[in-house]
């Protein structure tokens, strides 16, 4: 069964609100390729140098949801990735991690197509 945009966004919001319900489950998401580059201070605090995410906008454009992903295969950024803003699809296992007292959602062992 294909999900509509509203159903998909509801699912993404639920993942953020109740992440334990999705732990270990396989998730597929389509959206735009986005990154967050750590600042020099964040790097000193041993954060990752770059975070990759798939961002799905809502119909009004006000409440986009992004989901970080870590690929299952080794690639070099930016050479082996689509340009920022390109439409991508990721599939991976949902998990949480903690970094500096905050919990984050991510898809691990993810596959990427574009």
N, C-alpha and C. Protein backbone atom coordinates (compact mmCIF):
# COMPACT_ATOMS: atom_id res chain seq x y z
N UNK A 1 0.84 -1.18 0.00
CA UNK A 1 0.00 0.00 0.00
C UNK A 1 0.89 1.25 0.00
N UNK A 2 0.61 2.17 -0.87
CA UNK A 2 1.36 3.42 -0.97
C UNK A 2 0.81 4.43 0.05
N UNK A 3 1.72 5.10 0.71
CA UNK A 3 1.31 6.14 1.66
C UNK A 3 1.28 7.48 0.97
N UNK A 4 0.32 8.30 1.35
CA UNK A 4 0.27 9.67 0.87
C UNK A 4 1.22 10.55 1.68
N UNK A 5 1.38 11.77 1.24
CA UNK A 5 2.30 12.69 1.90
C UNK A 5 1.93 12.92 3.36
N UNK A 6 0.65 13.08 3.65
CA UNK A 6 0.21 13.32 5.03
C UNK A 6 0.56 12.13 5.92
N UNK A 7 0.32 10.91 5.42
CA UNK A 7 0.62 9.70 6.20
C UNK A 7 2.12 9.58 6.45
N UNK A 8 2.92 9.89 5.44
CA UNK A 8 4.37 9.81 5.60
C UNK A 8 4.85 10.81 6.64
N UNK A 9 4.38 12.04 6.57
CA UNK A 9 4.83 13.05 7.53
C UNK A 9 4.37 12.72 8.94
N UNK A 10 3.17 12.16 9.06
CA UNK A 10 2.70 11.72 10.37
C UNK A 10 3.63 10.66 10.93
N UNK A 11 4.03 9.72 10.09
CA UNK A 11 4.95 8.67 10.50
C UNK A 11 6.28 9.27 10.95
N UNK A 12 6.84 10.22 10.21
CA UNK A 12 8.12 10.84 10.57
C UNK A 12 8.02 11.57 11.90
N UNK A 13 6.91 12.30 12.12
CA UNK A 13 6.72 12.98 13.40
C UNK A 13 6.61 11.96 14.54
N UNK A 14 5.89 10.86 14.31
CA UNK A 14 5.76 9.83 15.33
C UNK A 14 7.11 9.21 15.68
N UNK A 15 7.98 9.04 14.68
CA UNK A 15 9.32 8.51 14.95
C UNK A 15 10.08 9.42 15.90
N UNK A 16 9.93 10.73 15.71
CA UNK A 16 10.62 11.68 16.58
C UNK A 16 10.01 11.71 17.98
N UNK A 17 8.70 11.57 18.06
CA UNK A 17 8.01 11.64 19.36
C UNK A 17 8.08 10.35 20.15
N UNK A 18 8.04 9.20 19.46
CA UNK A 18 8.04 7.89 20.13
C UNK A 18 9.08 6.98 19.48
N UNK A 19 10.35 7.34 19.55
CA UNK A 19 11.37 6.59 18.83
C UNK A 19 11.50 5.13 19.25
N UNK A 20 11.21 4.83 20.51
CA UNK A 20 11.35 3.44 20.97
C UNK A 20 10.42 2.49 20.22
N UNK A 21 9.31 3.00 19.70
CA UNK A 21 8.38 2.16 18.94
C UNK A 21 8.96 1.73 17.59
N UNK A 22 10.01 2.40 17.13
CA UNK A 22 10.56 2.14 15.80
C UNK A 22 11.96 1.53 15.83
N UNK A 23 12.53 1.36 17.03
CA UNK A 23 13.89 0.84 17.15
C UNK A 23 14.06 -0.48 16.41
N UNK A 24 15.08 -0.55 15.56
CA UNK A 24 15.41 -1.77 14.83
C UNK A 24 14.56 -2.04 13.61
N UNK A 25 13.54 -1.23 13.37
CA UNK A 25 12.67 -1.44 12.21
C UNK A 25 13.30 -0.83 10.96
N UNK A 26 13.00 -1.44 9.81
CA UNK A 26 13.48 -0.92 8.54
C UNK A 26 12.57 0.21 8.08
N UNK A 27 13.18 1.34 7.72
CA UNK A 27 12.44 2.53 7.32
C UNK A 27 12.92 2.96 5.94
N UNK A 28 11.98 3.34 5.09
CA UNK A 28 12.28 3.88 3.77
C UNK A 28 11.74 5.30 3.73
N UNK A 29 12.57 6.22 3.24
CA UNK A 29 12.17 7.63 3.22
C UNK A 29 12.69 8.29 1.95
N UNK A 30 11.88 9.14 1.36
CA UNK A 30 12.31 9.94 0.20
C UNK A 30 12.21 11.41 0.56
N UNK A 31 13.14 12.19 0.05
CA UNK A 31 13.16 13.62 0.31
C UNK A 31 14.39 14.22 -0.33
N UNK A 32 14.82 15.36 0.18
CA UNK A 32 16.01 16.01 -0.38
C UNK A 32 17.25 15.65 0.43
N UNK A 33 18.38 15.62 -0.25
CA UNK A 33 19.66 15.35 0.39
C UNK A 33 20.14 16.63 1.07
N UNK A 34 20.40 16.54 2.36
CA UNK A 34 20.87 17.68 3.13
C UNK A 34 22.03 17.28 4.02
N UNK A 35 22.82 18.26 4.44
CA UNK A 35 23.93 17.99 5.34
C UNK A 35 23.98 19.05 6.43
N UNK A 36 24.64 18.69 7.49
CA UNK A 36 24.99 19.65 8.53
C UNK A 36 26.48 19.45 8.80
N UNK A 37 27.25 20.50 8.65
CA UNK A 37 28.68 20.43 8.88
C UNK A 37 28.97 20.95 10.29
N UNK A 38 29.71 20.17 11.06
CA UNK A 38 30.03 20.56 12.43
C UNK A 38 30.94 21.78 12.44
N UNK A 39 30.74 22.63 13.44
CA UNK A 39 31.61 23.80 13.61
C UNK A 39 32.93 23.36 14.24
N UNK A 40 33.91 24.23 14.24
CA UNK A 40 35.20 23.88 14.84
C UNK A 40 35.04 23.56 16.32
N UNK A 41 34.16 24.28 17.03
CA UNK A 41 33.92 23.99 18.44
C UNK A 41 33.31 22.61 18.61
N UNK A 42 32.35 22.26 17.75
CA UNK A 42 31.73 20.94 17.84
C UNK A 42 32.73 19.84 17.54
N UNK A 43 33.64 20.08 16.60
CA UNK A 43 34.67 19.09 16.31
C UNK A 43 35.58 18.88 17.50
N UNK A 44 35.89 19.98 18.23
CA UNK A 44 36.69 19.86 19.44
C UNK A 44 35.96 19.02 20.49
N UNK A 45 34.63 19.04 20.45
CA UNK A 45 33.83 18.26 21.39
C UNK A 45 33.60 16.84 20.87
N UNK A 46 34.34 16.45 19.85
CA UNK A 46 34.33 15.11 19.27
C UNK A 46 32.99 14.73 18.64
N UNK A 47 32.38 15.69 17.99
CA UNK A 47 31.17 15.39 17.23
C UNK A 47 31.60 14.96 15.83
N UNK A 48 30.67 14.35 15.10
CA UNK A 48 30.96 13.94 13.72
C UNK A 48 31.27 15.18 12.88
N UNK A 49 32.15 15.07 11.87
CA UNK A 49 32.44 16.24 11.05
C UNK A 49 31.29 16.63 10.12
N UNK A 50 30.51 15.65 9.68
CA UNK A 50 29.39 15.94 8.78
C UNK A 50 28.25 14.98 9.07
N UNK A 51 27.06 15.50 9.04
CA UNK A 51 25.85 14.72 9.25
C UNK A 51 25.05 14.75 7.96
N UNK A 52 24.65 13.60 7.44
CA UNK A 52 23.86 13.51 6.22
C UNK A 52 22.42 13.22 6.59
N UNK A 53 21.49 13.87 5.90
CA UNK A 53 20.08 13.62 6.21
C UNK A 53 19.23 13.67 4.96
N UNK A 54 18.07 13.06 5.09
CA UNK A 54 17.03 13.10 4.08
C UNK A 54 15.91 13.94 4.69
N UNK A 55 15.49 14.99 3.99
CA UNK A 55 14.49 15.91 4.53
C UNK A 55 13.24 15.87 3.67
N UNK A 56 12.10 15.65 4.32
CA UNK A 56 10.81 15.61 3.62
C UNK A 56 9.98 16.82 4.03
N UNK A 57 9.66 17.69 3.07
CA UNK A 57 8.85 18.86 3.41
C UNK A 57 7.37 18.47 3.55
N UNK A 58 6.63 19.27 4.30
CA UNK A 58 5.20 19.03 4.35
C UNK A 58 4.52 19.87 3.26
N UNK A 59 3.23 19.69 3.11
CA UNK A 59 2.51 20.36 2.02
C UNK A 59 2.50 21.88 2.16
N UNK A 60 2.62 22.40 3.37
CA UNK A 60 2.63 23.85 3.55
C UNK A 60 4.03 24.43 3.52
N UNK A 61 5.04 23.56 3.61
CA UNK A 61 6.42 24.02 3.59
C UNK A 61 6.91 24.54 4.93
N UNK A 62 6.10 24.36 5.98
CA UNK A 62 6.49 24.92 7.28
C UNK A 62 7.17 23.92 8.20
N UNK A 63 6.92 22.66 8.02
CA UNK A 63 7.31 21.69 9.06
C UNK A 63 8.07 20.51 8.49
N UNK A 64 9.13 20.76 7.78
CA UNK A 64 9.92 19.68 7.19
C UNK A 64 10.53 18.82 8.29
N UNK A 65 10.65 17.52 8.01
CA UNK A 65 11.28 16.58 8.94
C UNK A 65 12.48 15.97 8.25
N UNK A 66 13.59 15.94 8.95
CA UNK A 66 14.79 15.31 8.41
C UNK A 66 15.17 14.10 9.24
N UNK A 67 15.79 13.13 8.59
CA UNK A 67 16.25 11.94 9.28
C UNK A 67 17.68 11.68 8.85
N UNK A 68 18.56 11.68 9.83
CA UNK A 68 19.98 11.43 9.57
C UNK A 68 20.16 10.00 9.10
N UNK A 69 21.16 9.78 8.25
CA UNK A 69 21.46 8.42 7.81
C UNK A 69 22.95 8.18 7.75
N UNK A 70 23.33 6.91 7.97
CA UNK A 70 24.71 6.45 7.87
C UNK A 70 24.68 5.27 6.90
N UNK A 71 25.40 5.40 5.81
CA UNK A 71 25.37 4.37 4.78
C UNK A 71 26.05 3.08 5.24
N UNK A 72 25.58 1.97 4.69
CA UNK A 72 26.17 0.68 4.99
C UNK A 72 27.45 0.43 4.22
N UNK A 73 27.69 1.21 3.18
CA UNK A 73 28.90 1.07 2.38
C UNK A 73 29.73 2.35 2.50
N UNK A 74 31.03 2.20 2.36
CA UNK A 74 31.93 3.35 2.47
C UNK A 74 31.83 4.22 1.22
N UNK A 75 31.64 5.50 1.41
CA UNK A 75 31.63 6.49 0.33
C UNK A 75 32.38 7.72 0.82
N UNK A 76 32.84 8.52 -0.11
CA UNK A 76 33.56 9.74 0.21
C UNK A 76 32.63 10.93 -0.04
N UNK A 77 32.55 11.82 0.95
CA UNK A 77 31.73 13.02 0.80
C UNK A 77 32.62 14.16 0.34
N UNK A 78 32.24 14.93 -0.65
CA UNK A 78 30.97 14.95 -1.37
C UNK A 78 30.98 14.17 -2.69
N UNK A 79 32.12 13.63 -3.07
CA UNK A 79 32.27 13.02 -4.39
C UNK A 79 31.25 11.92 -4.69
N UNK A 80 30.96 11.09 -3.72
CA UNK A 80 30.11 9.92 -3.96
C UNK A 80 28.66 10.12 -3.53
N UNK A 81 28.24 11.36 -3.39
CA UNK A 81 26.88 11.67 -2.94
C UNK A 81 26.20 12.58 -3.95
N UNK A 82 24.86 12.58 -3.94
CA UNK A 82 24.15 13.52 -4.82
C UNK A 82 24.35 14.95 -4.33
N UNK A 83 24.09 15.89 -5.20
CA UNK A 83 24.19 17.30 -4.82
C UNK A 83 23.13 17.62 -3.76
N UNK A 84 23.43 18.58 -2.92
CA UNK A 84 22.46 19.00 -1.91
C UNK A 84 21.19 19.46 -2.59
N UNK A 85 20.06 19.07 -2.03
CA UNK A 85 18.77 19.43 -2.59
C UNK A 85 18.22 18.44 -3.60
N UNK A 86 19.07 17.51 -4.07
CA UNK A 86 18.57 16.47 -4.98
C UNK A 86 17.63 15.52 -4.24
N UNK A 87 16.69 14.94 -4.96
CA UNK A 87 15.76 13.97 -4.39
C UNK A 87 16.49 12.65 -4.20
N UNK A 88 16.39 12.10 -2.99
CA UNK A 88 17.01 10.81 -2.66
C UNK A 88 16.00 9.91 -1.98
N UNK A 89 16.32 8.63 -1.95
CA UNK A 89 15.57 7.65 -1.17
C UNK A 89 16.58 6.89 -0.33
N UNK A 90 16.30 6.76 0.96
CA UNK A 90 17.15 5.99 1.85
C UNK A 90 16.33 4.87 2.47
N UNK A 91 17.00 3.75 2.73
CA UNK A 91 16.38 2.61 3.41
C UNK A 91 17.39 2.11 4.42
N UNK A 92 16.99 2.02 5.68
CA UNK A 92 17.92 1.56 6.72
C UNK A 92 17.20 1.20 7.99
N UNK A 93 17.96 0.76 8.97
CA UNK A 93 17.43 0.38 10.28
C UNK A 93 17.39 1.60 11.19
N UNK A 94 16.25 1.81 11.81
CA UNK A 94 16.05 2.95 12.70
C UNK A 94 16.74 2.69 14.03
N UNK A 95 17.48 3.69 14.51
CA UNK A 95 18.07 3.60 15.84
C UNK A 95 18.25 5.00 16.41
N UNK A 96 18.62 5.04 17.66
CA UNK A 96 18.88 6.29 18.37
C UNK A 96 20.34 6.28 18.82
N UNK A 97 20.92 7.47 18.94
CA UNK A 97 22.22 7.59 19.56
C UNK A 97 22.23 8.85 20.40
N UNK A 98 23.14 8.90 21.35
CA UNK A 98 23.24 10.05 22.23
C UNK A 98 24.55 10.77 21.96
N UNK A 99 24.46 12.09 21.90
CA UNK A 99 25.65 12.91 21.70
C UNK A 99 25.51 14.15 22.54
N UNK A 100 26.39 14.32 23.50
CA UNK A 100 26.38 15.47 24.40
C UNK A 100 25.02 15.67 25.07
N UNK A 101 24.51 14.60 25.67
CA UNK A 101 23.27 14.58 26.44
C UNK A 101 22.00 14.71 25.61
N UNK A 102 22.10 14.73 24.29
CA UNK A 102 20.92 14.78 23.42
C UNK A 102 20.78 13.46 22.68
N UNK A 103 19.53 13.05 22.45
CA UNK A 103 19.27 11.82 21.68
C UNK A 103 18.84 12.20 20.27
N UNK A 104 19.37 11.44 19.30
CA UNK A 104 19.08 11.70 17.90
C UNK A 104 18.62 10.42 17.22
N UNK A 105 17.74 10.55 16.24
CA UNK A 105 17.28 9.43 15.41
C UNK A 105 18.18 9.33 14.18
N UNK A 106 18.40 8.10 13.72
CA UNK A 106 19.15 7.91 12.49
C UNK A 106 18.80 6.57 11.88
N UNK A 107 19.08 6.45 10.59
CA UNK A 107 18.99 5.16 9.89
C UNK A 107 20.41 4.69 9.67
N UNK A 108 20.70 3.47 10.10
CA UNK A 108 22.04 2.91 9.94
C UNK A 108 22.02 1.79 8.90
N UNK A 109 23.22 1.45 8.42
CA UNK A 109 23.35 0.44 7.35
C UNK A 109 22.42 0.79 6.20
N UNK A 110 22.33 2.08 5.92
CA UNK A 110 21.37 2.58 4.94
C UNK A 110 21.86 2.39 3.51
N UNK A 111 20.89 2.18 2.63
CA UNK A 111 21.12 2.21 1.20
C UNK A 111 20.63 3.55 0.70
N UNK A 112 21.27 4.05 -0.35
CA UNK A 112 20.95 5.36 -0.90
C UNK A 112 20.76 5.24 -2.40
N UNK A 113 19.64 5.78 -2.90
CA UNK A 113 19.44 5.86 -4.34
C UNK A 113 18.99 7.26 -4.69
N UNK A 114 19.37 7.67 -5.91
CA UNK A 114 19.00 9.01 -6.38
C UNK A 114 19.02 9.04 -7.89
